[in-house]
Amino acid sequence: MDTEETVGSLQRSGPYTFEWTKLHLPRWKTDPLRYEYDTLAAKALERLQAIAKERGFSDDPRKRPDLYQLLSDNHASHDDLQQLWTQLHAVPDWVDWDQLERGQRFFYRYAAANLMGFALQGFVGENSASSGVVEVLVRTGGFSTRVLLHRLLETFQWLLQVTESLKAIQPGGAGHTSTVRIRLLHSSVRQRILKMVETRPEYFDVETHGVPVNTLDSIHSIATFCCNHMWLQLPRMGVYPTDQEKEDYIALFRYLGYLLATPDEYFVTVDQAKATMESMLVHELTVTKTSRVVCFNFIKCLVDLPPFNVSKEFIEAGSRVLNGDELCDQLEMGRPGWVSYACFRGHCWLVTALAIAQRLSPTFDRWIIEHWKRLLHSAVIQSGLKGASKFDFKYVPKEGIKVEKEGNERKGVKYGLLSRPVETFYLSIFLLGLTLASSVCLAAAVGLPKLALYPARWISKRVGG
């Protein structure tokens, strides 16, 4: 039995430290959640499968049913389906649509920082080290480098759809529909793995990891999506969300969590959500052999990916800044040289400068939000996926599926000034920043302290520092 953390004790996860409080979740509260799951969707899934079988559908990809469409067409004729449909279309009293709309803007406001943080900390640091989650993921085969990029794009598609507009997350909107599809997909994965465990208990260790896609996994996922940006990612890049932004973004994912059958009481307030995130850091991060495989394949998936052509060393440098050396060493990442760290620092300085400029100019802020929204929807959904995914059950757990470390079958990029445009740009930002800092220091040294301090004071007054 693991010892419980004591109130007032100092806890650490990588470079992040915090004090354990009464709001944090002890193990005796979190461990039972591994064996709880979304029974409402599970019952509805069985009914939908029976309807699909009657209509000639099967597991054949060419004859696979659209579960959401079946639910939409038949919910009025079956109690199990009606209960799920009613729950999905009932808007909780605590939902404030104006607040959720502000939360949607947060994602695009800091898109460059949010995307980098999600990739290098949310995935490399959080998902790779969440042993129960990765054990489910690798059994679907979706973390082979041959299909991993498509799977990541699908995740980003959902994120883009639920942040596109208020209409998108209201019943009938694209984001709402995709969220329901994902809930049914989770139930399908869980059902499939548990059926296999009935005849092969060793296939998935339910005693250790709990039920596949369980309630604790759902809480952890929502916390990763809405809290990690605020405390584990953006501050490490020099961007500090306001209290209002934290409230709004967490409220958005509290509602999305509700649609995904995640208990919403863990995200009622900012303080409770933060404590939930921190509890997951303490209880849920355990590096395993499978974690190293998932991390390795994820990095391989991104290395030399056109048109950015980022290097392995840049990804490792960013991961070490966000996750800390201890976790990255456990995941067997390399230790890059100073140039890679300088490039990542250039990224940090850029997103910091953008955040300051956006707070100084609401017009610029609105332009940035709309620019990123158009760019990402075009790049991910239209170009990357060639149209929106329906989140059907294509990564089916099967006997014999075993994901190992794989290459990406791309030819390495020959090093040159223009061969890695993103890193070249960030290195330029870093060198420019050093030049400006040196100029300010020189101005102060030669007797112009007021001139040197004026820009910092001017900016601080306008951004609330």
Protein backbone atom coordinates (compact mmCIF):
# COMPACT_ATOMS: atom_id res chain seq x y z
CA MET A 1 0.00 0.00 0.00
CA ASP A 2 1.47 3.36 -1.01
CA THR A 3 1.81 5.89 1.80
CA GLU A 4 -0.51 8.87 1.65
CA GLU A 5 0.80 12.40 1.22
CA THR A 6 0.39 14.66 4.26
CA VAL A 7 -1.26 18.07 4.16
CA GLY A 8 1.42 20.75 4.06
CA SER A 9 4.08 18.50 2.53
CA LEU A 10 6.06 19.77 -0.46
CA GLN A 11 5.62 17.70 -3.62
CA ARG A 12 7.66 17.81 -6.82
CA SER A 13 7.08 16.63 -10.37
CA GLY A 14 9.97 17.52 -12.64
CA PRO A 15 10.59 21.28 -12.40
CA TYR A 16 7.16 21.86 -10.81
CA THR A 17 6.72 22.00 -7.03
CA PHE A 18 3.59 22.50 -4.95
CA GLU A 19 2.20 22.08 -1.45
CA TRP A 20 -0.24 19.25 -0.72
CA THR A 21 -3.56 20.57 0.61
CA LYS A 22 -6.97 19.31 1.64
CA LEU A 23 -8.17 19.90 -1.92
CA HIS A 24 -5.77 17.27 -3.27
CA LEU A 25 -6.98 13.73 -3.89
CA PRO A 26 -5.49 10.98 -1.70
CA ARG A 27 -4.94 7.53 -3.16
CA TRP A 28 -7.83 6.04 -1.24
CA LYS A 29 -10.07 8.32 -3.30
CA THR A 30 -8.40 7.93 -6.69
CA ASP A 31 -7.59 4.20 -6.73
CA PRO A 32 -11.25 3.00 -6.69
CA LEU A 33 -11.92 5.21 -9.72
CA ARG A 34 -9.79 2.85 -11.82
CA TYR A 35 -12.59 0.30 -11.60
CA GLU A 36 -15.42 2.70 -12.42
CA TYR A 37 -16.42 3.58 -15.96
CA ASP A 38 -19.15 5.02 -18.18
CA THR A 39 -21.91 2.44 -17.71
CA LEU A 40 -24.52 4.60 -19.43
CA ALA A 41 -22.62 4.62 -22.73
CA ALA A 42 -21.67 0.96 -22.27
CA LYS A 43 -25.34 -0.08 -22.13
CA ALA A 44 -26.19 2.16 -25.06
CA LEU A 45 -23.32 0.66 -27.08
CA GLU A 46 -24.68 -2.87 -26.64
CA ARG A 47 -28.08 -1.72 -27.84
CA LEU A 48 -26.54 0.09 -30.84
CA GLN A 49 -24.54 -3.01 -31.75
CA ALA A 50 -27.72 -5.11 -31.69
CA ILE A 51 -29.45 -2.63 -34.00
CA ALA A 52 -26.42 -2.57 -36.31
CA LYS A 53 -26.37 -6.36 -36.51
CA GLU A 54 -30.05 -6.45 -37.42
CA ARG A 55 -29.33 -4.04 -40.28
CA GLY A 56 -26.43 -6.01 -41.72
CA PHE A 57 -23.50 -4.03 -40.36
CA SER A 58 -20.33 -5.79 -39.18
CA ASP A 59 -16.73 -5.20 -38.04
CA ASP A 60 -15.66 -5.09 -41.67
CA PRO A 61 -14.38 -1.53 -42.30
CA ARG A 62 -16.59 -1.38 -45.40
CA LYS A 63 -19.70 -2.33 -43.40
CA ARG A 64 -18.91 -0.63 -40.10
CA PRO A 65 -21.90 1.26 -38.62
CA ASP A 66 -21.92 4.95 -37.78
CA LEU A 67 -22.77 4.61 -34.09
CA TYR A 68 -23.60 8.28 -33.67
CA GLN A 69 -26.05 8.19 -36.55
CA LEU A 70 -27.67 5.04 -35.15
CA LEU A 71 -27.99 6.76 -31.77
CA SER A 72 -29.51 9.85 -33.37
CA ASP A 73 -32.01 7.82 -35.42
CA ASN A 74 -33.06 5.33 -32.73
CA HIS A 75 -32.76 7.03 -29.35
CA ALA A 76 -36.51 7.49 -28.98
CA SER A 77 -37.26 3.76 -29.34
CA HIS A 78 -34.96 2.32 -26.64
CA ASP A 79 -34.67 3.35 -22.99
CA ASP A 80 -30.89 2.88 -22.82
CA LEU A 81 -30.39 5.06 -25.87
CA GLN A 82 -32.87 7.68 -24.68
CA GLN A 83 -31.11 8.02 -21.33
CA LEU A 84 -27.78 8.64 -23.02
CA TRP A 85 -29.28 11.04 -25.58
CA THR A 86 -31.07 13.01 -22.86
CA GLN A 87 -27.92 13.30 -20.76
CA LEU A 88 -25.89 14.49 -23.74
CA HIS A 89 -28.43 17.17 -24.67
CA ALA A 90 -29.20 18.41 -21.17
CA VAL A 91 -27.17 21.54 -20.41
CA PRO A 92 -26.09 21.68 -16.74
CA ASP A 93 -27.17 24.72 -14.72
CA TRP A 94 -23.56 25.74 -14.13
CA VAL A 95 -22.84 26.22 -17.84
CA ASP A 96 -22.26 29.89 -18.77
CA TRP A 97 -22.05 30.04 -22.56
CA ASP A 98 -20.32 33.43 -22.56
CA GLN A 99 -17.63 32.04 -20.28
CA LEU A 100 -17.16 28.97 -22.47
CA GLU A 101 -16.80 31.19 -25.52
CA ARG A 102 -14.04 33.12 -23.76
CA GLY A 103 -12.42 29.80 -22.93
CA GLN A 104 -12.43 28.86 -26.60
CA ARG A 105 -10.53 32.04 -27.46
CA PHE A 106 -7.81 31.17 -24.95
CA PHE A 107 -6.68 28.21 -27.05
CA TYR A 108 -6.06 30.35 -30.15
CA ARG A 109 -4.78 33.37 -28.23
CA TYR A 110 -1.70 31.41 -27.15
CA ALA A 111 -1.84 28.80 -29.92
CA ALA A 112 1.91 28.65 -30.58
CA ALA A 113 2.63 28.04 -26.89
CA ASN A 114 -0.39 25.79 -26.34
CA LEU A 115 0.48 23.48 -29.25
CA MET A 116 4.12 23.21 -28.21
CA GLY A 117 3.13 22.54 -24.62
CA PHE A 118 0.52 19.96 -25.55
CA ALA A 119 2.97 18.07 -27.76
CA LEU A 120 6.08 18.12 -25.58
CA GLN A 121 4.60 18.13 -22.08
CA GLY A 122 1.03 16.90 -22.43
CA PHE A 123 2.00 13.98 -24.62
CA VAL A 124 5.68 13.25 -23.98
CA GLY A 125 5.53 14.04 -20.27
CA GLU A 126 2.00 13.12 -19.28
CA ASN A 127 0.65 10.50 -21.68
CA SER A 128 3.89 8.58 -22.11
CA ALA A 129 4.33 8.29 -18.34
CA SER A 130 0.70 7.34 -17.61
CA SER A 131 1.14 3.58 -17.51
CA GLY A 132 -2.52 2.57 -17.65
CA VAL A 133 -3.27 4.91 -20.54
CA VAL A 134 -0.33 3.79 -22.68
CA GLU A 135 -1.15 0.12 -22.10
CA VAL A 136 -4.56 0.75 -23.68
CA LEU A 137 -3.14 2.87 -26.50
CA VAL A 138 -0.54 0.38 -27.68
CA ARG A 139 -3.12 -2.42 -27.80
CA THR A 140 -5.01 -0.56 -30.49
CA GLY A 141 -1.92 -0.37 -32.71
CA GLY A 142 -2.46 3.34 -33.22
CA PHE A 143 0.98 4.22 -31.86
CA SER A 144 2.92 2.65 -34.64
CA THR A 145 4.76 5.44 -36.50
CA ARG A 146 2.87 4.37 -39.65
CA VAL A 147 -0.43 5.67 -38.27
CA LEU A 148 0.58 7.84 -35.30
CA LEU A 149 0.53 11.12 -37.20
CA HIS A 150 -3.04 10.49 -38.37
CA ARG A 151 -4.07 9.66 -34.82
CA LEU A 152 -2.48 12.85 -33.48
CA LEU A 153 -4.23 14.89 -36.16
CA GLU A 154 -7.54 13.37 -35.09
CA THR A 155 -6.89 14.49 -31.52
CA PHE A 156 -6.12 17.99 -32.75
CA GLN A 157 -9.25 17.90 -34.91
CA TRP A 158 -11.37 17.36 -31.82
CA LEU A 159 -9.55 20.16 -30.01
CA LEU A 160 -10.12 22.51 -32.93
CA GLN A 161 -13.78 21.57 -33.28
CA VAL A 162 -14.59 22.17 -29.61
CA THR A 163 -12.86 25.56 -29.68
CA GLU A 164 -14.18 26.74 -33.06
CA SER A 165 -17.33 28.54 -31.91
CA LEU A 166 -20.04 28.47 -29.29
CA LYS A 167 -22.44 26.85 -31.74
CA ALA A 168 -19.94 24.03 -32.30
CA ILE A 169 -20.15 22.76 -28.70
CA GLN A 170 -23.89 23.19 -28.29
CA PRO A 171 -26.10 20.16 -29.04
CA GLY A 172 -25.96 19.41 -32.75
CA GLY A 173 -22.72 21.32 -33.35
CA ALA A 174 -19.64 19.72 -34.89
CA GLY A 175 -17.68 19.78 -31.64
CA HIS A 176 -20.58 18.35 -29.64
CA THR A 177 -21.12 15.58 -32.20
CA SER A 178 -17.42 14.65 -32.28
CA THR A 179 -17.34 14.52 -28.49
CA VAL A 180 -20.27 12.08 -28.48
CA ARG A 181 -18.51 9.98 -31.13
CA ILE A 182 -15.38 9.84 -28.95
CA ARG A 183 -17.45 8.76 -25.95
CA LEU A 184 -18.89 5.88 -27.97
CA LEU A 185 -15.40 5.06 -29.26
CA HIS A 186 -14.07 4.85 -25.70
CA SER A 187 -16.86 2.43 -24.83
CA SER A 188 -16.03 0.32 -27.89
CA VAL A 189 -12.34 0.08 -26.96
CA ARG A 190 -13.18 -0.82 -23.36
CA GLN A 191 -15.70 -3.46 -24.40
CA ARG A 192 -13.28 -5.04 -26.88
CA ILE A 193 -10.39 -5.28 -24.43
CA LEU A 194 -12.56 -6.67 -21.62
CA LYS A 195 -13.96 -9.35 -23.94
CA MET A 196 -10.42 -10.40 -24.82
CA VAL A 197 -9.47 -10.47 -21.13
CA GLU A 198 -12.27 -12.99 -20.50
CA THR A 199 -10.34 -15.65 -22.43
CA ARG A 200 -6.82 -14.22 -22.02
CA PRO A 201 -6.47 -12.51 -18.62
CA GLU A 202 -2.81 -11.75 -19.33
CA TYR A 203 -3.74 -9.60 -22.35
CA PHE A 204 -4.49 -6.60 -20.11
CA ASP A 205 -3.79 -6.39 -16.37
CA VAL A 206 -7.12 -5.14 -15.05
CA GLU A 207 -6.04 -5.61 -11.44
CA THR A 208 -3.10 -3.23 -11.87
CA HIS A 209 -4.38 -0.74 -14.44
CA GLY A 210 -8.10 -0.92 -13.73
CA VAL A 211 -10.84 -1.12 -16.34
CA PRO A 212 -9.65 0.20 -19.72
CA VAL A 213 -10.64 3.84 -20.28
CA ASN A 214 -11.84 4.18 -16.70
CA THR A 215 -13.12 7.16 -14.74
CA LEU A 216 -9.68 8.03 -13.36
CA ASP A 217 -8.27 8.02 -16.91
CA SER A 218 -11.02 10.43 -17.95
CA ILE A 219 -10.34 12.79 -15.04
CA HIS A 220 -6.62 12.67 -15.83
CA SER A 221 -7.22 13.43 -19.52
CA ILE A 222 -9.46 16.43 -18.85
CA ALA A 223 -6.97 17.77 -16.30
CA THR A 224 -4.19 17.41 -18.86
CA PHE A 225 -6.16 19.30 -21.51
CA CYS A 226 -7.31 22.22 -19.36
CA CYS A 227 -4.84 22.56 -16.48
CA ASN A 228 -1.40 21.68 -17.79
CA HIS A 229 -1.34 24.76 -20.03
CA MET A 230 -1.88 26.98 -17.01
CA TRP A 231 0.76 25.67 -14.62
CA LEU A 232 3.07 23.18 -16.33
CA GLN A 233 3.48 24.52 -19.86
CA LEU A 234 2.91 28.22 -20.55
CA PRO A 235 4.72 29.57 -17.46
CA ARG A 236 7.80 27.54 -18.44
CA MET A 237 7.73 29.46 -21.74
CA GLY A 238 7.25 32.86 -20.09
CA VAL A 239 3.49 33.16 -20.65
CA TYR A 240 1.28 33.62 -17.58
CA PRO A 241 -2.48 33.21 -18.11
CA THR A 242 -4.71 35.58 -16.16
CA ASP A 243 -7.05 34.33 -13.43
CA GLN A 244 -10.00 34.97 -15.76
CA GLU A 245 -8.42 32.92 -18.55
CA LYS A 246 -7.87 30.03 -16.15
CA GLU A 247 -11.49 30.10 -14.99
CA ASP A 248 -12.84 30.28 -18.53
CA TYR A 249 -10.72 27.51 -20.06
CA ILE A 250 -11.28 25.14 -17.15
CA ALA A 251 -15.03 25.82 -17.35
CA LEU A 252 -14.95 24.90 -21.06
CA PHE A 253 -13.37 21.54 -20.33
CA ARG A 254 -15.58 20.93 -17.33
CA TYR A 255 -18.48 20.96 -19.80
CA LEU A 256 -16.62 18.81 -22.35
CA GLY A 257 -15.74 16.41 -19.54
CA TYR A 258 -19.42 16.23 -18.62
CA LEU A 259 -20.20 15.17 -22.20
CA LEU A 260 -17.50 12.49 -21.92
CA ALA A 261 -18.92 11.14 -18.63
CA THR A 262 -16.12 12.65 -16.54
CA PRO A 263 -17.25 13.64 -13.01
CA ASP A 264 -17.36 17.45 -13.15
CA GLU A 265 -16.90 18.07 -9.41
CA TYR A 266 -13.13 17.85 -9.87
CA PHE A 267 -13.21 21.01 -12.01
CA VAL A 268 -15.74 23.17 -10.17
CA THR A 269 -13.19 25.86 -9.28
CA VAL A 270 -9.72 26.78 -10.48
CA ASP A 271 -8.20 25.72 -7.16
CA GLN A 272 -9.94 22.32 -7.26
CA ALA A 273 -8.91 21.75 -10.88
CA LYS A 274 -5.30 22.66 -10.08
CA ALA A 275 -5.31 20.28 -7.11
CA THR A 276 -6.76 17.53 -9.34
CA MET A 277 -3.99 18.05 -11.90
CA GLU A 278 -1.34 17.96 -9.18
CA SER A 279 -2.84 14.81 -7.66
CA MET A 280 -2.53 13.11 -11.05
CA LEU A 281 1.15 14.12 -11.22
CA VAL A 282 1.80 12.41 -7.89
CA HIS A 283 -0.32 9.28 -8.36
CA GLU A 284 -0.39 8.51 -12.07
CA LEU A 285 3.04 9.09 -13.62
CA THR A 286 5.06 5.87 -13.79
CA VAL A 287 7.55 5.26 -16.59
CA THR A 288 7.48 1.73 -18.01
CA LYS A 289 9.00 -0.04 -20.99
CA THR A 290 5.82 0.72 -22.92
CA SER A 291 6.16 4.40 -21.99
CA ARG A 292 9.59 4.48 -23.60
CA VAL A 293 8.24 2.90 -26.78
CA VAL A 294 5.38 5.41 -27.05
CA CYS A 295 7.72 8.34 -26.36
CA PHE A 296 10.29 7.08 -28.89
CA ASN A 297 7.67 6.62 -31.62
CA PHE A 298 6.11 10.01 -30.93
CA ILE A 299 9.46 11.76 -31.35
CA LYS A 300 10.18 9.75 -34.50
CA CYS A 301 6.78 10.78 -35.85
CA LEU A 302 7.67 14.47 -35.53
CA VAL A 303 11.33 14.43 -36.57
CA ASP A 304 11.89 15.81 -40.10
CA LEU A 305 8.13 16.12 -40.66
CA PRO A 306 7.62 18.52 -43.60
CA PRO A 307 7.40 21.47 -43.83
CA PHE A 308 8.86 22.17 -40.37
CA ASN A 309 11.68 19.59 -40.43
CA VAL A 310 12.36 19.91 -36.70
CA SER A 311 15.26 17.90 -35.35
CA LYS A 312 15.24 15.24 -32.66
CA GLU A 313 17.50 17.49 -30.58
CA PHE A 314 15.03 20.40 -30.67
CA ILE A 315 12.21 18.13 -29.47
CA GLU A 316 14.43 16.75 -26.71
CA ALA A 317 15.51 20.23 -25.60
CA GLY A 318 11.90 21.44 -25.39
CA SER A 319 10.84 18.27 -23.58
CA ARG A 320 13.59 18.69 -21.00
CA VAL A 321 12.67 22.32 -20.37
CA LEU A 322 8.99 21.45 -19.84
CA ASN A 323 9.26 18.05 -18.15
CA GLY A 324 12.61 18.19 -16.36
CA ASP A 325 15.68 16.03 -16.85
CA GLU A 326 14.63 13.26 -14.46
CA LEU A 327 11.54 12.20 -16.42
CA CYS A 328 13.27 12.64 -19.78
CA ASP A 329 16.19 10.49 -18.61
CA GLN A 330 13.72 7.78 -17.56
CA LEU A 331 12.17 7.98 -21.03
CA GLU A 332 15.69 7.54 -22.47
CA MET A 333 15.80 10.84 -24.34
CA GLY A 334 19.11 12.21 -25.51
CA ARG A 335 20.83 15.27 -24.07
CA PRO A 336 21.05 17.88 -26.85
CA GLY A 337 23.63 20.64 -27.16
CA TRP A 338 23.28 24.34 -26.39
CA VAL A 339 22.12 25.28 -29.90
CA SER A 340 18.92 23.23 -29.50
CA TYR A 341 18.24 24.85 -26.14
CA ALA A 342 18.89 28.27 -27.69
CA CYS A 343 16.36 27.50 -30.44
CA PHE A 344 13.73 26.50 -27.88
CA ARG A 345 14.50 29.59 -25.81
CA GLY A 346 13.90 31.62 -28.97
CA HIS A 347 10.45 30.02 -29.20
CA CYS A 348 9.78 30.96 -25.57
CA TRP A 349 10.83 34.56 -26.11
CA LEU A 350 8.65 34.83 -29.20
CA VAL A 351 5.47 33.57 -27.50
CA THR A 352 6.20 35.80 -24.50
CA ALA A 353 6.55 38.84 -26.76
CA LEU A 354 3.33 37.94 -28.60
CA ALA A 355 1.43 37.55 -25.31
CA ILE A 356 2.60 40.98 -24.16
CA ALA A 357 1.70 42.58 -27.49
CA GLN A 358 -1.77 40.98 -27.45
CA ARG A 359 -2.50 42.35 -23.98
CA LEU A 360 -1.37 45.78 -25.10
CA SER A 361 -3.55 45.71 -28.24
CA PRO A 362 -7.01 44.07 -28.24
CA THR A 363 -7.12 44.54 -32.02
CA PHE A 364 -3.91 42.56 -32.46
CA ASP A 365 -5.25 39.94 -30.05
CA ARG A 366 -8.40 39.45 -32.15
CA TRP A 367 -6.31 39.21 -35.31
CA ILE A 368 -4.05 36.55 -33.78
CA ILE A 369 -7.04 34.49 -32.63
CA GLU A 370 -8.71 34.55 -36.05
CA HIS A 371 -5.42 33.93 -37.86
CA TRP A 372 -4.62 30.80 -35.83
CA LYS A 373 -8.18 29.54 -36.12
CA ARG A 374 -8.12 29.73 -39.93
CA LEU A 375 -4.60 28.36 -40.20
CA LEU A 376 -5.09 25.36 -37.92
CA HIS A 377 -8.47 24.35 -39.31
CA SER A 378 -7.03 24.45 -42.83
CA ALA A 379 -3.77 22.68 -41.96
CA VAL A 380 -5.15 19.96 -39.68
CA ILE A 381 -8.67 19.17 -40.88
CA GLN A 382 -8.57 20.05 -44.57
CA SER A 383 -4.94 19.34 -45.51
CA GLY A 384 -3.79 16.88 -42.85
CA LEU A 385 -6.89 14.69 -42.55
CA LYS A 386 -8.42 15.47 -45.96
CA GLY A 387 -11.71 16.17 -44.23
CA ALA A 388 -13.03 15.72 -40.70
CA SER A 389 -12.69 12.30 -39.08
CA LYS A 390 -15.79 10.56 -37.71
CA PHE A 391 -13.74 8.88 -34.94
CA ASP A 392 -14.86 5.43 -35.97
CA PHE A 393 -13.45 2.25 -34.43
CA LYS A 394 -10.52 1.69 -36.81
CA TYR A 395 -7.75 1.04 -34.25
CA VAL A 396 -9.22 -2.24 -32.99
CA PRO A 397 -7.46 -4.11 -30.16
CA LYS A 398 -6.42 -7.53 -31.45
CA GLU A 399 -4.29 -10.42 -30.31
CA GLY A 400 -0.78 -10.14 -31.67
CA ILE A 401 -0.72 -6.34 -31.95
CA LYS A 402 2.52 -5.25 -30.36
CA VAL A 403 3.94 -1.78 -30.88
CA GLU A 404 7.73 -1.58 -30.74
CA LYS A 405 10.19 1.23 -31.39
CA GLU A 406 9.99 2.15 -35.06
CA GLY A 407 11.59 4.53 -37.52
CA ASN A 408 9.69 7.08 -39.59
CA GLU A 409 11.00 5.98 -43.01
CA ARG A 410 11.95 9.58 -43.81
CA LYS A 411 15.31 10.57 -45.19
CA GLY A 412 17.26 12.69 -42.74
CA VAL A 413 17.50 16.39 -43.48
CA LYS A 414 20.94 17.61 -44.48
CA TYR A 415 21.98 20.34 -42.07
CA GLY A 416 21.98 23.82 -43.55
CA LEU A 417 20.70 27.34 -42.96
CA LEU A 418 17.31 26.72 -44.58
CA SER A 419 16.91 22.97 -44.02
CA ARG A 420 15.27 23.44 -40.61
CA PRO A 421 13.29 26.68 -41.01
CA VAL A 422 11.57 26.60 -37.61
CA GLU A 423 14.80 26.14 -35.67
CA THR A 424 16.60 28.72 -37.82
CA PHE A 425 13.82 31.23 -37.11
CA TYR A 426 13.85 30.54 -33.38
CA LEU A 427 17.64 30.76 -33.23
CA SER A 428 17.39 34.17 -34.92
CA ILE A 429 14.89 35.26 -32.26
CA PHE A 430 17.27 34.06 -29.56
CA LEU A 431 20.22 35.97 -31.02
CA LEU A 432 18.07 39.08 -31.47
CA GLY A 433 16.95 38.81 -27.86
CA LEU A 434 20.54 38.56 -26.68
CA THR A 435 21.43 41.62 -28.76
CA LEU A 436 18.58 43.67 -27.29
CA ALA A 437 19.38 42.54 -23.75
CA SER A 438 23.03 43.45 -24.26
CA SER A 439 22.03 46.88 -25.56
CA VAL A 440 19.87 47.53 -22.49
CA CYS A 441 22.69 46.45 -20.17
CA LEU A 442 25.13 48.65 -22.06
CA ALA A 443 22.77 51.63 -21.82
CA ALA A 444 22.50 51.14 -18.07
CA ALA A 445 26.27 50.78 -17.72
CA VAL A 446 27.08 54.03 -19.52
CA GLY A 447 24.75 56.13 -17.40
CA LEU A 448 21.35 55.84 -19.05
CA PRO A 449 19.44 53.82 -16.42
CA LYS A 450 16.17 55.70 -16.91
CA LEU A 451 16.25 55.03 -20.65
CA ALA A 452 16.99 51.34 -20.03
CA LEU A 453 14.15 50.89 -17.54
CA TYR A 454 11.48 52.89 -19.38
CA PRO A 455 10.34 50.15 -21.84
CA ALA A 456 9.97 47.57 -19.06
CA ARG A 457 7.97 49.96 -16.85
CA TRP A 458 5.78 51.02 -19.78
CA ILE A 459 4.92 47.41 -20.66
CA SER A 460 4.42 46.36 -17.03
CA LYS A 461 1.89 49.14 -16.45
CA ARG A 462 -0.19 48.08 -19.45
CA VAL A 463 -0.22 44.30 -18.96
CA GLY A 464 -0.95 44.44 -15.26
CA GLY A 465 2.51 43.34 -14.05
